[in-house]
Amino acid sequence: MGKKKIDETRYIELSIPQEVMADTAEIIEQNEMEATILGRAEEEDCITVGFDYAPEHRDSIMEILELIEDHNSDEGEEEEEEEEEETEED
């Protein structure tokens, strides 16, 4: 079986929510990463960004993924709270 090259550049496309775009841009700038805005994502208020990244940028990609995950989990909690409030009002 062949091994992957350790220095191989990878590519990933992410849907970045508007609320974390500034933090994402800061990570991209600080780490001098290659990123391309591809357009609007299927999710409302998200932009699809393509990243060509080297292994040394893996931690930065993980940081961006955590920003997205935290945003999405916070949003899910807010929706649950709103549903509970609506149920209590009925």
Protein backbone atom coordinates (compact mmCIF):
# COMPACT_ATOMS: atom_id res chain seq x y z
CA MET A 1 0.00 0.00 0.00
CA GLY A 2 1.23 3.47 -0.83
CA LYS A 3 1.78 6.15 1.74
CA LYS A 4 0.56 9.70 1.23
CA LYS A 5 3.23 12.30 0.93
CA ILE A 6 3.54 14.29 4.13
CA ASP A 7 4.09 17.56 2.26
CA GLU A 8 1.10 17.08 -0.04
CA THR A 9 -1.15 20.13 -0.47
CA ARG A 10 -4.82 19.46 0.23
CA TYR A 11 -8.06 21.16 -0.75
CA ILE A 12 -11.25 21.70 1.21
CA GLU A 13 -14.40 23.75 0.63
CA LEU A 14 -16.21 25.15 3.66
CA SER A 15 -19.48 27.01 4.14
CA ILE A 16 -18.52 29.92 6.36
CA PRO A 17 -21.38 31.61 8.25
CA GLN A 18 -21.45 35.38 8.01
CA GLU A 19 -21.05 35.71 11.79
CA VAL A 20 -17.61 33.98 11.77
CA MET A 21 -16.33 35.38 8.47
CA ALA A 22 -14.22 38.12 10.13
CA ASP A 23 -12.54 35.59 12.45
CA THR A 24 -11.98 33.25 9.50
CA ALA A 25 -10.42 36.06 7.45
CA GLU A 26 -8.09 36.85 10.35
CA ILE A 27 -6.92 33.22 10.53
CA ILE A 28 -6.36 33.17 6.75
CA GLU A 29 -4.36 36.41 6.88
CA GLN A 30 -2.27 35.52 9.94
CA ASN A 31 -1.26 32.17 8.46
CA GLU A 32 -0.87 33.39 4.86
CA MET A 33 -3.19 30.67 3.61
CA GLU A 34 -4.55 30.34 0.08
CA ALA A 35 -8.32 30.82 0.06
CA THR A 36 -10.82 31.58 -2.69
CA ILE A 37 -14.39 32.76 -2.29
CA LEU A 38 -16.44 30.45 -4.50
CA GLY A 39 -19.86 32.01 -3.97
CA ARG A 40 -22.89 31.84 -1.79
CA ALA A 41 -23.48 28.54 -0.01
CA GLU A 42 -26.76 26.63 0.12
CA GLU A 43 -27.15 27.63 3.76
CA GLU A 44 -28.58 31.09 4.27
CA ASP A 45 -25.98 33.75 5.19
CA CYS A 46 -23.00 31.51 4.37
CA ILE A 47 -20.22 31.85 1.82
CA THR A 48 -18.40 28.90 0.29
CA VAL A 49 -14.63 29.27 0.56
CA GLY A 50 -12.08 26.94 -1.02
CA PHE A 51 -8.77 26.38 0.76
CA ASP A 52 -5.56 25.02 -0.73
CA TYR A 53 -3.56 24.22 2.37
CA ALA A 54 -0.28 22.59 3.25
CA PRO A 55 0.16 20.29 6.26
CA GLU A 56 1.52 23.19 8.33
CA HIS A 57 -1.87 24.93 7.93
CA ARG A 58 -3.85 21.95 9.22
CA ASP A 59 -4.23 23.50 12.68
CA SER A 60 -5.59 26.68 11.10
CA ILE A 61 -8.16 24.69 9.13
CA MET A 62 -9.16 22.92 12.35
CA GLU A 63 -9.53 26.31 14.05
CA ILE A 64 -11.85 27.49 11.27
CA LEU A 65 -13.85 24.24 11.50
CA GLU A 66 -14.22 24.80 15.26
CA LEU A 67 -15.49 28.35 14.66
CA ILE A 68 -18.13 26.98 12.28
CA GLU A 69 -19.07 24.14 14.64
CA ASP A 70 -19.35 26.49 17.65
CA HIS A 71 -21.49 28.89 15.63
CA ASN A 72 -23.77 26.09 14.43
CA SER A 73 -24.17 24.58 17.91
CA ASP A 74 -24.91 28.01 19.42
CA GLU A 75 -27.50 28.60 16.70
CA GLY A 76 -29.10 25.21 17.38
CA GLU A 77 -29.35 25.98 21.09
CA GLU A 78 -31.02 29.33 20.34
CA GLU A 79 -33.58 27.62 18.10
CA GLU A 80 -34.35 25.07 20.83
CA GLU A 81 -34.86 27.86 23.38
CA GLU A 82 -37.19 29.71 20.99
CA GLU A 83 -39.23 26.53 20.43
CA GLU A 84 -39.50 25.99 24.19
CA GLU A 85 -40.68 29.58 24.70
CA GLU A 86 -43.30 29.20 21.95
CA THR A 87 -44.54 25.96 23.52
CA GLU A 88 -44.83 27.62 26.94
CA GLU A 89 -46.85 30.50 25.44
CA ASP A 90 -49.43 28.14 23.90
